[in-house]
Amino acid sequence: MDLNKLFLNIQKGEISAISEGITLIESNKNSLIKYKNKLLELCLPISGNACRIAVSGIPGVGKSTFINEISKLFIKENKKIAILTIDPSSAKSGGSIMGDKTRMHDISKSEKVFIRPSPSSGHLGGVNIHTKDAIILFEAAGYDIIIVETIGVGQSEFEVKNITDFFILLTITNTGDEIQAIKKGIIEITDLIVINKSDGNNIKKSQILKRNLTNHIISKNKTKIETCSSLKTQNIDVIYNIISNYFKKNIRTKKFSEKRKLQRIIWIEQKIKQQILKDFYKKNEIKKRIRKLSSGIEKNKLNFNNEINEIIKLYKSKNIK
């Protein structure tokens, strides 16, 4: 595998090379780990220049349609956009996420836009475990805007916050989702709440929800709240300006730089944990001890804590195979 050539083509922005690079870093094959890490090593020095945006919210809230409309305004500013959509079912179905591309039909054919669907592969954070790697690669390819659309379940909001700069939470009326957001503390990490589908009979309800959410947010919290209709393209320009002004104001600040540094540390820790787990479970002796532990549970004949500790000690020993 000629990684130097692949990297140079990625740097040139060649679509086929970018696709090949993403496929490589998303692979779970142990034999490809050294190639994945080498490619990231090449990309890292020229990455970090994009604006990273997360779009989250429950399924059906209109994330894809919203991204379609907001991206049009970035395109008008001559920005290159990479959109990473995480799908909860494609790991099994092999391509059900095509629905996302259908809802982004206006931008999917633009040479300024690269839409990359990826399966969550069972990862519970609502983002693919390799999403940060993909961001690095797209930045090396010269993309100005990276948008991550989460699957909108579980802890997606909190994990995607660790790989992006600006977090948008989409909600709609009559779902109870806004109350759950308050309960889970999501608002505390949210930069912008967008009440979508604010059109027709929903306009009044959206205004009431906006007022209720505003009343729940502590005054020192800088979370902004806006209503919009992605389908009717209403108020999209206001939301676009909020996003643009955020990056103009913050991207060169010390606080922004420190946040990116912390995200890199979290990313490195996750890479190490991922590799340790893979190494742990591929050891034959570990597999045997786990089966023995399972058998002991069935027969109700074991000291659970001692057995767990013995397995860990076994892994730490130098001669384990």
C-alpha atoms as a PDB file:
ATOM      1  CA  MET A   1       0.000   0.000   0.000  1.00  0.00           C
ATOM      2  CA  ASP A   2       1.547   3.305  -1.136  1.00  0.00           C
ATOM      3  CA  LEU A   3       0.437   5.575   1.702  1.00  0.00           C
ATOM      4  CA  ASN A   4       2.547   8.528   0.566  1.00  0.00           C
ATOM      5  CA  LYS A   5       0.817   8.556  -2.808  1.00  0.00           C
ATOM      6  CA  LEU A   6      -2.588   8.157  -1.161  1.00  0.00           C
ATOM      7  CA  PHE A   7      -1.828  11.058   1.182  1.00  0.00           C
ATOM      8  CA  LEU A   8      -0.689  13.330  -1.651  1.00  0.00           C
ATOM      9  CA  ASN A   9      -3.910  12.609  -3.553  1.00  0.00           C
ATOM     10  CA  ILE A  10      -5.966  13.280  -0.433  1.00  0.00           C
ATOM     11  CA  GLN A  11      -4.114  16.553  -0.015  1.00  0.00           C
ATOM     12  CA  LYS A  12      -5.076  17.428  -3.600  1.00  0.00           C
ATOM     13  CA  GLY A  13      -8.704  16.814  -2.707  1.00  0.00           C
ATOM     14  CA  GLU A  14      -9.192  13.843  -5.032  1.00  0.00           C
ATOM     15  CA  ILE A  15     -12.529  12.248  -4.188  1.00  0.00           C
ATOM     16  CA  SER A  16     -11.452   8.668  -4.872  1.00  0.00           C
ATOM     17  CA  ALA A  17      -8.408   9.069  -2.606  1.00  0.00           C
ATOM     18  CA  ILE A  18     -10.502  10.582   0.190  1.00  0.00           C
ATOM     19  CA  SER A  19     -12.961   7.681  -0.062  1.00  0.00           C
ATOM     20  CA  GLU A  20     -10.111   5.162   0.023  1.00  0.00           C
ATOM     21  CA  GLY A  21      -8.585   6.915   3.031  1.00  0.00           C
ATOM     22  CA  ILE A  22     -11.858   6.952   4.982  1.00  0.00           C
ATOM     23  CA  THR A  23     -12.469   3.283   4.180  1.00  0.00           C
ATOM     24  CA  LEU A  24      -8.985   2.489   5.501  1.00  0.00           C
ATOM     25  CA  ILE A  25      -9.378   4.318   8.817  1.00  0.00           C
ATOM     26  CA  GLU A  26     -12.861   2.823   9.353  1.00  0.00           C
ATOM     27  CA  SER A  27     -11.563  -0.718   8.910  1.00  0.00           C
ATOM     28  CA  ASN A  28     -11.471  -2.910  12.013  1.00  0.00           C
ATOM     29  CA  LYS A  29      -8.850  -5.299  10.640  1.00  0.00           C
ATOM     30  CA  ASN A  30      -5.830  -5.640  12.929  1.00  0.00           C
ATOM     31  CA  SER A  31      -3.584  -6.037   9.896  1.00  0.00           C
ATOM     32  CA  LEU A  32      -4.399  -2.478   8.801  1.00  0.00           C
ATOM     33  CA  ILE A  33      -3.754  -0.686  12.099  1.00  0.00           C
ATOM     34  CA  LYS A  34      -0.217   0.380  11.211  1.00  0.00           C
ATOM     35  CA  TYR A  35      -1.414   1.758   7.850  1.00  0.00           C
ATOM     36  CA  LYS A  36      -4.290   3.640   9.486  1.00  0.00           C
ATOM     37  CA  ASN A  37      -1.979   5.213  12.050  1.00  0.00           C
ATOM     38  CA  LYS A  38       0.592   6.128   9.403  1.00  0.00           C
ATOM     39  CA  LEU A  39      -2.045   7.867   7.292  1.00  0.00           C
ATOM     40  CA  LEU A  40      -3.226   9.829  10.332  1.00  0.00           C
ATOM     41  CA  GLU A  41       0.391  10.696  11.098  1.00  0.00           C
ATOM     42  CA  LEU A  42       0.730  12.208   7.626  1.00  0.00           C
ATOM     43  CA  CYS A  43      -2.565  14.099   7.839  1.00  0.00           C
ATOM     44  CA  LEU A  44      -2.247  15.538  11.358  1.00  0.00           C
ATOM     45  CA  PRO A  45       0.310  18.319  10.631  1.00  0.00           C
ATOM     46  CA  ILE A  46      -1.977  19.916   8.024  1.00  0.00           C
ATOM     47  CA  SER A  47      -5.268  19.359   9.841  1.00  0.00           C
ATOM     48  CA  GLY A  48      -7.102  21.524  12.350  1.00  0.00           C
ATOM     49  CA  ASN A  49      -8.126  24.399  10.107  1.00  0.00           C
ATOM     50  CA  ALA A  50     -11.796  23.538   9.595  1.00  0.00           C
ATOM     51  CA  CYS A  51     -14.854  24.700  11.513  1.00  0.00           C
ATOM     52  CA  ARG A  52     -16.328  21.588  13.132  1.00  0.00           C
ATOM     53  CA  ILE A  53     -20.085  21.580  13.668  1.00  0.00           C
ATOM     54  CA  ALA A  54     -22.254  18.933  15.329  1.00  0.00           C
ATOM     55  CA  VAL A  55     -25.951  18.517  14.583  1.00  0.00           C
ATOM     56  CA  SER A  56     -27.862  16.285  16.980  1.00  0.00           C
ATOM     57  CA  GLY A  57     -31.451  15.552  17.920  1.00  0.00           C
ATOM     58  CA  ILE A  58     -33.955  12.717  18.048  1.00  0.00           C
ATOM     59  CA  PRO A  59     -34.760  10.782  14.841  1.00  0.00           C
ATOM     60  CA  GLY A  60     -37.384  12.615  12.787  1.00  0.00           C
ATOM     61  CA  VAL A  61     -36.446  16.077  13.993  1.00  0.00           C
ATOM     62  CA  GLY A  62     -35.214  17.031  10.508  1.00  0.00           C
ATOM     63  CA  LYS A  63     -31.429  16.965  10.890  1.00  0.00           C
ATOM     64  CA  SER A  64     -30.635  16.059   7.280  1.00  0.00           C
ATOM     65  CA  THR A  65     -32.998  18.650   5.804  1.00  0.00           C
ATOM     66  CA  PHE A  66     -31.561  21.278   8.147  1.00  0.00           C
ATOM     67  CA  ILE A  67     -27.995  20.404   7.119  1.00  0.00           C
ATOM     68  CA  ASN A  68     -29.032  20.565   3.458  1.00  0.00           C
ATOM     69  CA  GLU A  69     -30.297  24.130   3.857  1.00  0.00           C
ATOM     70  CA  ILE A  70     -27.515  25.483   6.070  1.00  0.00           C
ATOM     71  CA  SER A  71     -24.893  23.989   3.728  1.00  0.00           C
ATOM     72  CA  LYS A  72     -26.281  25.962   0.782  1.00  0.00           C
ATOM     73  CA  LEU A  73     -25.249  29.162   2.535  1.00  0.00           C
ATOM     74  CA  PHE A  74     -21.745  27.836   3.181  1.00  0.00           C
ATOM     75  CA  ILE A  75     -21.504  26.904  -0.502  1.00  0.00           C
ATOM     76  CA  LYS A  76     -22.423  30.486  -1.447  1.00  0.00           C
ATOM     77  CA  GLU A  77     -19.385  31.552   0.591  1.00  0.00           C
ATOM     78  CA  ASN A  78     -17.270  29.163  -1.522  1.00  0.00           C
ATOM     79  CA  LYS A  79     -16.635  26.800   1.390  1.00  0.00           C
ATOM     80  CA  LYS A  80     -15.860  23.106   0.974  1.00  0.00           C
ATOM     81  CA  ILE A  81     -18.082  21.003   3.212  1.00  0.00           C
ATOM     82  CA  ALA A  82     -17.635  17.454   4.491  1.00  0.00           C
ATOM     83  CA  ILE A  83     -20.744  15.914   6.049  1.00  0.00           C
ATOM     84  CA  LEU A  84     -20.328  12.818   8.216  1.00  0.00           C
ATOM     85  CA  THR A  85     -23.657  11.112   8.831  1.00  0.00           C
ATOM     86  CA  ILE A  86     -23.766   8.315  11.387  1.00  0.00           C
ATOM     87  CA  ASP A  87     -26.355   5.598  10.759  1.00  0.00           C
ATOM     88  CA  PRO A  88     -27.583   3.173  13.444  1.00  0.00           C
ATOM     89  CA  SER A  89     -28.642   0.408  11.074  1.00  0.00           C
ATOM     90  CA  SER A  90     -26.233   0.388   8.154  1.00  0.00           C
ATOM     91  CA  ALA A  91     -23.867  -1.923  10.020  1.00  0.00           C
ATOM     92  CA  LYS A  92     -26.467  -4.626   9.379  1.00  0.00           C
ATOM     93  CA  SER A  93     -28.338  -3.413   6.307  1.00  0.00           C
ATOM     94  CA  GLY A  94     -25.308  -2.195   4.432  1.00  0.00           C
ATOM     95  CA  GLY A  95     -26.809   1.036   3.172  1.00  0.00           C
ATOM     96  CA  SER A  96     -30.093   2.139   4.684  1.00  0.00           C
ATOM     97  CA  ILE A  97     -28.661   5.602   5.216  1.00  0.00           C
ATOM     98  CA  MET A  98     -29.233   6.538   1.605  1.00  0.00           C
ATOM     99  CA  GLY A  99     -32.314   8.269   2.981  1.00  0.00           C
ATOM    100  CA  ASP A 100     -29.990  10.954   4.366  1.00  0.00           C
ATOM    101  CA  LYS A 101     -28.560  11.648   0.929  1.00  0.00           C
ATOM    102  CA  THR A 102     -32.077  11.851  -0.468  1.00  0.00           C
ATOM    103  CA  ARG A 103     -32.929  14.574   2.048  1.00  0.00           C
ATOM    104  CA  MET A 104     -29.722  16.390   1.067  1.00  0.00           C
ATOM    105  CA  HIS A 105     -30.534  16.201  -2.637  1.00  0.00           C
ATOM    106  CA  ASP A 106     -29.832  19.909  -3.263  1.00  0.00           C
ATOM    107  CA  ILE A 107     -26.207  19.692  -2.139  1.00  0.00           C
ATOM    108  CA  SER A 108     -25.298  16.044  -2.774  1.00  0.00           C
ATOM    109  CA  LYS A 109     -24.220  16.741  -6.363  1.00  0.00           C
ATOM    110  CA  SER A 110     -22.178  19.833  -5.541  1.00  0.00           C
ATOM    111  CA  GLU A 111     -18.433  19.551  -6.095  1.00  0.00           C
ATOM    112  CA  LYS A 112     -18.039  21.533  -2.880  1.00  0.00           C
ATOM    113  CA  VAL A 113     -19.745  18.841  -0.789  1.00  0.00           C
ATOM    114  CA  PHE A 114     -18.643  15.371   0.298  1.00  0.00           C
ATOM    115  CA  ILE A 115     -21.283  13.329   2.139  1.00  0.00           C
ATOM    116  CA  ARG A 116     -19.888  10.308   3.927  1.00  0.00           C
ATOM    117  CA  PRO A 117     -22.293   7.847   5.571  1.00  0.00           C
ATOM    118  CA  SER A 118     -20.809   5.591   8.236  1.00  0.00           C
ATOM    119  CA  PRO A 119     -22.359   2.886  10.424  1.00  0.00           C
ATOM    120  CA  SER A 120     -22.295   3.385  14.175  1.00  0.00           C
ATOM    121  CA  SER A 121     -21.055  -0.228  14.327  1.00  0.00           C
ATOM    122  CA  GLY A 122     -22.593  -0.686  17.739  1.00  0.00           C
ATOM    123  CA  HIS A 123     -20.753   2.279  19.222  1.00  0.00           C
ATOM    124  CA  LEU A 124     -23.109   3.733  21.830  1.00  0.00           C
ATOM    125  CA  GLY A 125     -21.979   7.335  21.594  1.00  0.00           C
ATOM    126  CA  GLY A 126     -24.058   8.201  18.556  1.00  0.00           C
ATOM    127  CA  VAL A 127     -20.909   8.803  16.534  1.00  0.00           C
ATOM    128  CA  ASN A 128     -18.659   6.306  14.861  1.00  0.00           C
ATOM    129  CA  ILE A 129     -15.516   5.506  16.860  1.00  0.00           C
ATOM    130  CA  HIS A 130     -13.499   6.661  13.825  1.00  0.00           C
ATOM    131  CA  THR A 131     -15.377   9.953  13.296  1.00  0.00           C
ATOM    132  CA  LYS A 132     -12.510  12.051  14.710  1.00  0.00           C
ATOM    133  CA  ASP A 133     -10.077  10.259  12.377  1.00  0.00           C
ATOM    134  CA  ALA A 134     -12.317  11.145   9.420  1.00  0.00           C
ATOM    135  CA  ILE A 135     -12.376  14.793  10.498  1.00  0.00           C
ATOM    136  CA  ILE A 136      -8.564  14.868  10.470  1.00  0.00           C
ATOM    137  CA  LEU A 137      -8.489  13.372   6.980  1.00  0.00           C
ATOM    138  CA  PHE A 138     -11.059  15.814   5.568  1.00  0.00           C
ATOM    139  CA  GLU A 139      -9.170  18.752   7.036  1.00  0.00           C
ATOM    140  CA  ALA A 140      -5.989  17.498   5.385  1.00  0.00           C
ATOM    141  CA  ALA A 141      -7.958  17.418   2.131  1.00  0.00           C
ATOM    142  CA  GLY A 142      -8.738  21.107   2.480  1.00  0.00           C
ATOM    143  CA  TYR A 143     -12.348  21.080   3.655  1.00  0.00           C
ATOM    144  CA  ASP A 144     -13.404  24.265   5.439  1.00  0.00           C
ATOM    145  CA  ILE A 145     -16.538  23.024   7.206  1.00  0.00           C
ATOM    146  CA  ILE A 146     -17.006  19.623   8.849  1.00  0.00           C
ATOM    147  CA  ILE A 147     -20.574  18.752   9.855  1.00  0.00           C
ATOM    148  CA  VAL A 148     -21.203  15.669  11.984  1.00  0.00           C
ATOM    149  CA  GLU A 149     -24.803  14.439  12.052  1.00  0.00           C
ATOM    150  CA  THR A 150     -25.293  12.042  14.955  1.00  0.00           C
ATOM    151  CA  ILE A 151     -27.848   9.242  15.124  1.00  0.00           C
ATOM    152  CA  GLY A 152     -29.569  11.148  17.928  1.00  0.00           C
ATOM    153  CA  VAL A 153     -29.702   8.469  20.612  1.00  0.00           C
ATOM    154  CA  GLY A 154     -27.958   7.571  23.853  1.00  0.00           C
ATOM    155  CA  GLN A 155     -24.976   9.736  24.795  1.00  0.00           C
ATOM    156  CA  SER A 156     -24.471  11.111  21.274  1.00  0.00           C
ATOM    157  CA  GLU A 157     -24.644  14.727  22.374  1.00  0.00           C
ATOM    158  CA  PHE A 158     -21.865  14.372  24.917  1.00  0.00           C
ATOM    159  CA  GLU A 159     -19.473  12.364  22.743  1.00  0.00           C
ATOM    160  CA  VAL A 160     -19.851  14.518  19.646  1.00  0.00           C
ATOM    161  CA  LYS A 161     -19.091  17.578  21.796  1.00  0.00           C
ATOM    162  CA  ASN A 162     -15.581  16.152  22.274  1.00  0.00           C
ATOM    163  CA  ILE A 163     -14.801  16.203  18.552  1.00  0.00           C
ATOM    164  CA  THR A 164     -16.500  19.408  17.374  1.00  0.00           C
ATOM    165  CA  ASP A 165     -16.446  23.145  18.098  1.00  0.00           C
ATOM    166  CA  PHE A 166     -20.077  24.206  17.788  1.00  0.00           C
ATOM    167  CA  PHE A 167     -22.942  22.010  18.962  1.00  0.00           C
ATOM    168  CA  ILE A 168     -26.465  22.403  17.551  1.00  0.00           C
ATOM    169  CA  LEU A 169     -29.361  20.563  19.174  1.00  0.00           C
ATOM    170  CA  LEU A 170     -32.456  20.278  17.007  1.00  0.00           C
ATOM    171  CA  THR A 171     -35.842  19.804  18.615  1.00  0.00           C
ATOM    172  CA  ILE A 172     -39.506  20.074  17.630  1.00  0.00           C
ATOM    173  CA  THR A 173     -42.746  20.726  19.492  1.00  0.00           C
ATOM    174  CA  ASN A 174     -44.931  18.085  21.141  1.00  0.00           C
ATOM    175  CA  THR A 175     -42.211  15.484  21.724  1.00  0.00           C
ATOM    176  CA  GLY A 176     -41.138  16.037  25.322  1.00  0.00           C
ATOM    177  CA  ASP A 177     -37.596  16.047  23.921  1.00  0.00           C
ATOM    178  CA  GLU A 178     -36.975  19.558  25.255  1.00  0.00           C
ATOM    179  CA  ILE A 179     -37.712  18.414  28.812  1.00  0.00           C
ATOM    180  CA  GLN A 180     -35.377  15.438  28.439  1.00  0.00           C
ATOM    181  CA  ALA A 181     -32.684  17.818  27.214  1.00  0.00           C
ATOM    182  CA  ILE A 182     -33.023  19.842  30.388  1.00  0.00           C
ATOM    183  CA  LYS A 183     -32.972  16.713  32.572  1.00  0.00           C
ATOM    184  CA  LYS A 184     -29.858  15.278  30.962  1.00  0.00           C
ATOM    185  CA  GLY A 185     -27.981  18.569  31.145  1.00  0.00           C
ATOM    186  CA  ILE A 186     -27.587  18.693  27.369  1.00  0.00           C
ATOM    187  CA  ILE A 187     -28.411  22.394  27.304  1.00  0.00           C
ATOM    188  CA  GLU A 188     -25.267  23.063  29.333  1.00  0.00           C
ATOM    189  CA  ILE A 189     -23.089  21.813  26.480  1.00  0.00           C
ATOM    190  CA  THR A 190     -25.266  23.161  23.663  1.00  0.00           C
ATOM    191  CA  ASP A 191     -24.273  26.285  21.740  1.00  0.00           C
ATOM    192  CA  LEU A 192     -27.511  26.608  19.789  1.00  0.00           C
ATOM    193  CA  ILE A 193     -30.952  25.054  20.191  1.00  0.00           C
ATOM    194  CA  VAL A 194     -32.969  25.069  16.979  1.00  0.00           C
ATOM    195  CA  ILE A 195     -36.711  24.453  17.156  1.00  0.00           C
ATOM    196  CA  ASN A 196     -37.289  23.006  13.694  1.00  0.00           C
ATOM    197  CA  LYS A 197     -40.486  22.571  11.659  1.00  0.00           C
ATOM    198  CA  SER A 198     -41.707  25.970  12.838  1.00  0.00           C
ATOM    199  CA  ASP A 199     -44.244  26.568  10.087  1.00  0.00           C
ATOM    200  CA  GLY A 200     -48.020  26.529   9.581  1.00  0.00           C
ATOM    201  CA  ASN A 201     -49.872  25.533  12.739  1.00  0.00           C
ATOM    202  CA  ASN A 202     -46.553  24.911  14.511  1.00  0.00           C
ATOM    203  CA  ILE A 203     -45.390  28.537  14.530  1.00  0.00           C
ATOM    204  CA  LYS A 204     -47.276  29.487  17.687  1.00  0.00           C
ATOM    205  CA  LYS A 205     -46.287  26.236  19.448  1.00  0.00           C
ATOM    206  CA  SER A 206     -42.633  26.827  18.522  1.00  0.00           C
ATOM    207  CA  GLN A 207     -42.715  30.326  19.994  1.00  0.00           C
ATOM    208  CA  ILE A 208     -44.186  28.951  23.232  1.00  0.00           C
ATOM    209  CA  LEU A 209     -41.486  26.262  23.373  1.00  0.00           C
ATOM    210  CA  LYS A 210     -38.793  28.864  22.721  1.00  0.00           C
ATOM    211  CA  ARG A 211     -40.100  30.976  25.598  1.00  0.00           C
ATOM    212  CA  ASN A 212     -40.279  27.953  27.929  1.00  0.00           C
ATOM    213  CA  LEU A 213     -36.745  26.859  27.096  1.00  0.00           C
ATOM    214  CA  THR A 214     -35.466  30.415  27.539  1.00  0.00           C
ATOM    215  CA  ASN A 215     -36.988  30.516  31.010  1.00  0.00           C
ATOM    216  CA  HIS A 216     -35.153  27.287  31.952  1.00  0.00           C
ATOM    217  CA  ILE A 217     -31.738  28.478  30.850  1.00  0.00           C
ATOM    218  CA  ILE A 218     -29.615  30.166  33.511  1.00  0.00           C
ATOM    219  CA  SER A 219     -28.740  33.732  32.579  1.00  0.00           C
ATOM    220  CA  LYS A 220     -25.003  33.047  32.496  1.00  0.00           C
ATOM    221  CA  ASN A 221     -25.529  30.219  29.995  1.00  0.00           C
ATOM    222  CA  LYS A 222     -24.664  31.411  26.486  1.00  0.00           C
ATOM    223  CA  THR A 223     -26.892  28.897  24.724  1.00  0.00           C
ATOM    224  CA  LYS A 224     -28.900  30.578  21.978  1.00  0.00           C
ATOM    225  CA  ILE A 225     -32.395  29.487  20.934  1.00  0.00           C
ATOM    226  CA  GLU A 226     -33.915  29.977  17.481  1.00  0.00           C
ATOM    227  CA  THR A 227     -36.908  28.660  15.542  1.00  0.00           C
ATOM    228  CA  CYS A 228     -36.785  27.695  11.893  1.00  0.00           C
ATOM    229  CA  SER A 229     -38.433  25.717   9.141  1.00  0.00           C
ATOM    230  CA  SER A 230     -35.854  23.784   7.151  1.00  0.00           C
ATOM    231  CA  LEU A 231     -38.529  22.669   4.709  1.00  0.00           C
ATOM    232  CA  LYS A 232     -39.722  26.241   4.086  1.00  0.00           C
ATOM    233  CA  THR A 233     -36.171  27.667   4.477  1.00  0.00           C
ATOM    234  CA  GLN A 234     -37.423  30.156   7.058  1.00  0.00           C
ATOM    235  CA  ASN A 235     -34.904  31.742   9.449  1.00  0.00           C
ATOM    236  CA  ILE A 236     -32.042  29.595   8.122  1.00  0.00           C
ATOM    237  CA  ASP A 237     -30.051  32.754   7.354  1.00  0.00           C
ATOM    238  CA  VAL A 238     -30.320  33.866  11.008  1.00  0.00           C
ATOM    239  CA  ILE A 239     -28.962  30.522  12.193  1.00  0.00           C
ATOM    240  CA  TYR A 240     -26.192  30.664   9.594  1.00  0.00           C
ATOM    241  CA  ASN A 241     -25.134  34.080  10.906  1.00  0.00           C
ATOM    242  CA  ILE A 242     -25.049  32.787  14.500  1.00  0.00           C
ATOM    243  CA  ILE A 243     -22.720  29.965  13.448  1.00  0.00           C
ATOM    244  CA  SER A 244     -20.502  32.206  11.323  1.00  0.00           C
ATOM    245  CA  ASN A 245     -20.222  34.872  14.019  1.00  0.00           C
ATOM    246  CA  TYR A 246     -19.284  32.245  16.596  1.00  0.00           C
ATOM    247  CA  PHE A 247     -16.269  31.128  14.581  1.00  0.00           C
ATOM    248  CA  LYS A 248     -15.253  34.673  13.626  1.00  0.00           C
ATOM    249  CA  LYS A 249     -15.283  35.633  17.294  1.00  0.00           C
ATOM    250  CA  ASN A 250     -13.728  32.523  18.845  1.00  0.00           C
ATOM    251  CA  ILE A 251     -11.540  30.574  16.420  1.00  0.00           C
ATOM    252  CA  ARG A 252      -8.352  32.534  17.204  1.00  0.00           C
ATOM    253  CA  THR A 253      -8.866  32.794  20.945  1.00  0.00           C
ATOM    254  CA  LYS A 254      -6.825  31.016  23.611  1.00  0.00           C
ATOM    255  CA  LYS A 255      -9.973  29.356  24.964  1.00  0.00           C
ATOM    256  CA  PHE A 256     -10.730  27.835  21.548  1.00  0.00           C
ATOM    257  CA  SER A 257      -7.154  26.589  21.217  1.00  0.00           C
ATOM    258  CA  GLU A 258      -7.214  25.026  24.693  1.00  0.00           C
ATOM    259  CA  LYS A 259     -10.486  23.281  23.859  1.00  0.00           C
ATOM    260  CA  ARG A 260      -8.937  21.746  20.741  1.00  0.00           C
ATOM    261  CA  LYS A 261      -5.915  20.578  22.779  1.00  0.00           C
ATOM    262  CA  LEU A 262      -8.188  18.872  25.297  1.00  0.00           C
ATOM    263  CA  GLN A 263     -10.075  17.179  22.460  1.00  0.00           C
ATOM    264  CA  ARG A 264      -6.782  15.841  21.068  1.00  0.00           C
ATOM    265  CA  ILE A 265      -5.932  14.349  24.478  1.00  0.00           C
ATOM    266  CA  ILE A 266      -9.351  12.670  24.677  1.00  0.00           C
ATOM    267  CA  TRP A 267      -8.896  11.336  21.121  1.00  0.00           C
ATOM    268  CA  ILE A 268      -5.456   9.889  21.938  1.00  0.00           C
ATOM    269  CA  GLU A 269      -6.802   8.257  25.101  1.00  0.00           C
ATOM    270  CA  GLN A 270      -9.656   6.683  23.130  1.00  0.00           C
ATOM    271  CA  LYS A 271      -7.243   5.350  20.491  1.00  0.00           C
ATOM    272  CA  ILE A 272      -5.110   3.750  23.203  1.00  0.00           C
ATOM    273  CA  LYS A 273      -8.154   2.244  24.971  1.00  0.00           C
ATOM    274  CA  GLN A 274      -9.421   0.889  21.674  1.00  0.00           C
ATOM    275  CA  GLN A 275      -6.102  -0.821  20.929  1.00  0.00           C
ATOM    276  CA  ILE A 276      -5.763  -2.225  24.460  1.00  0.00           C
ATOM    277  CA  LEU A 277      -9.261  -3.726  24.278  1.00  0.00           C
ATOM    278  CA  LYS A 278      -8.540  -5.311  20.908  1.00  0.00           C
ATOM    279  CA  ASP A 279      -5.286  -6.757  22.201  1.00  0.00           C
ATOM    280  CA  PHE A 280      -6.951  -8.005  25.403  1.00  0.00           C
ATOM    281  CA  TYR A 281      -9.746  -9.948  23.722  1.00  0.00           C
ATOM    282  CA  LYS A 282      -7.629 -11.534  21.008  1.00  0.00           C
ATOM    283  CA  LYS A 283      -5.470 -13.402  23.577  1.00  0.00           C
ATOM    284  CA  ASN A 284      -6.358 -17.105  23.548  1.00  0.00           C
ATOM    285  CA  GLU A 285      -5.669 -17.572  27.250  1.00  0.00           C
ATOM    286  CA  ILE A 286      -7.943 -14.640  28.077  1.00  0.00           C
ATOM    287  CA  LYS A 287     -10.702 -16.201  25.972  1.00  0.00           C
ATOM    288  CA  LYS A 288     -10.301 -19.492  27.880  1.00  0.00           C
ATOM    289  CA  ARG A 289     -10.501 -17.772  31.280  1.00  0.00           C
ATOM    290  CA  ILE A 290     -13.620 -15.845  30.224  1.00  0.00           C
ATOM    291  CA  ARG A 291     -15.300 -19.086  29.135  1.00  0.00           C
ATOM    292  CA  LYS A 292     -14.277 -20.635  32.475  1.00  0.00           C
ATOM    293  CA  LEU A 293     -15.747 -17.641  34.315  1.00  0.00           C
ATOM    294  CA  SER A 294     -18.986 -17.983  32.344  1.00  0.00           C
ATOM    295  CA  SER A 295     -19.171 -21.670  33.230  1.00  0.00           C
ATOM    296  CA  GLY A 296     -18.596 -20.836  36.894  1.00  0.00           C
ATOM    297  CA  ILE A 297     -21.489 -18.371  36.815  1.00  0.00           C
ATOM    298  CA  GLU A 298     -23.782 -21.083  35.424  1.00  0.00           C
ATOM    299  CA  LYS A 299     -22.763 -23.555  38.164  1.00  0.00           C
ATOM    300  CA  ASN A 300     -22.791 -20.838  40.839  1.00  0.00           C
ATOM    301  CA  LYS A 301     -19.275 -21.901  41.832  1.00  0.00           C
ATOM    302  CA  LEU A 302     -16.926 -18.944  41.759  1.00  0.00           C
ATOM    303  CA  ASN A 303     -15.558 -15.936  43.553  1.00  0.00           C
ATOM    304  CA  PHE A 304     -16.415 -13.313  40.959  1.00  0.00           C
ATOM    305  CA  ASN A 305     -14.011 -10.582  42.084  1.00  0.00           C
ATOM    306  CA  ASN A 306     -11.090 -12.993  42.396  1.00  0.00           C
ATOM    307  CA  GLU A 307     -11.718 -14.419  38.930  1.00  0.00           C
ATOM    308  CA  ILE A 308     -11.874 -10.949  37.341  1.00  0.00           C
ATOM    309  CA  ASN A 309      -8.638  -9.942  39.056  1.00  0.00           C
ATOM    310  CA  GLU A 310      -6.948 -13.166  37.923  1.00  0.00           C
ATOM    311  CA  ILE A 311      -7.905 -12.454  34.306  1.00  0.00           C
ATOM    312  CA  ILE A 312      -6.439  -8.955  34.563  1.00  0.00           C
ATOM    313  CA  LYS A 313      -3.248 -10.317  36.155  1.00  0.00           C
ATOM    314  CA  LEU A 314      -3.019 -12.879  33.387  1.00  0.00           C
ATOM    315  CA  TYR A 315      -3.220 -10.105  30.766  1.00  0.00           C
ATOM    316  CA  LYS A 316      -0.448  -8.165  32.493  1.00  0.00           C
ATOM    317  CA  SER A 317       1.904 -11.138  32.455  1.00  0.00           C
ATOM    318  CA  LYS A 318       4.552 -10.993  29.735  1.00  0.00           C
ATOM    319  CA  ASN A 319       4.260 -14.510  28.326  1.00  0.00           C
ATOM    320  CA  ILE A 320       0.540 -14.593  27.614  1.00  0.00           C
ATOM    321  CA  LYS A 321      -0.504 -15.660  24.133  1.00  0.00           C
END
